[in-house]
């Protein structure tokens, strides 16, 4: 060990008459530790929030959505077959999307009605995992010959069901503004559905607006024949969704087909999260810089305190570079110890947050 290293480490231990310098050193270490801990925890929370939000979004929506500029897709089975042949595509399912009003005996609310094929939809979206009551299979009951006259089933988001006061097994009326033309004018379409299930995605925006029915029931209710709004696609790698979307569009011949990946459909949301993460990183970095300046202040005080020792070292032949190295070593040790303690504190806090979940983000806000 060089004498510069020995003296630099020795200066970290204050004498009885120099307790103030020792206190300032501890404060400097604590400042670095707090800054590093805050940086790690905030970045970890932001990353976790982004991943959780992404998983909730992809639990309700697909990785890629294919639609037509000029309206509904008629020969959707052929389109789906072509889509499933594209490399990177895991599964595909048709869907119908329309705005409706849903009323119960207690209240009425606006909603988004989505018609799905239960068997293929479960391979594309994570709706079965989000079910709190009932199952997707109950939507297929009315498709069977003996169930032709049965009331078709509908699956509601838990917030939507709460808003209209509906529970499983109760009837609700779905009203579409896309009514049929009669001699008396355009009359809104309406049909009674039976609440077959309730789902909870954890996203208030989805749970308060989305309702699912079978594809066949949606086609019959809207009177659109054997047509669908689009095709939803699940890919093998979610981060390759953009490439797969372009490949699907190319396989379908381009216009009038239009393919969008999940990142493009939620671009504004994830861009805002990215910007917020960058701003938080900059703010916390400034906090660490303040702690670094605190170390500089501590070293200046130590230099003033050790003026006599510096004179003795110079008389013994120490150079200016060696003396500077002594105090640089002391500052580096303070920064290193503070950083290591900050890493340990950040890891501990992140582990506690992941295990005990002290902070619960309300689904109606986030």
Foldseek 3Di string as FASTA:
>chain_A
DDPLLVLLVVLCDDDPVPVVLVVLLVVLLQLLLVLLLVLLQVLVVLVVVVVLVVLLVQQVAFFKWKFFPVFWAFPVVVLQVLLCVFPFFDAKWFKAWAKKWKAAPAGIDIAIEMATAQVRVVVTHNFQVFWPAAGSVQLCQCVDPVNVVPAGEKEAQPQQCVVRVHDAFGKMKIWHPLADQDPVGGDIFIGIHGHRTYGYSLACVDSNHYMYHHNVVVCVRNVVPRIGRIMGTHGPDSVCSVVSQVSSCVSVPHPRMHMDGPCVVCVVVVVVSVVVSVVVSVVSVVSSVVSLVSLVVSLVVSCVVCVVVVVVVVVVPDDPVSNVSSSVSNSVVSSVSSNVSSVVSNVVVVVCCVPVVPDDDRNHVD
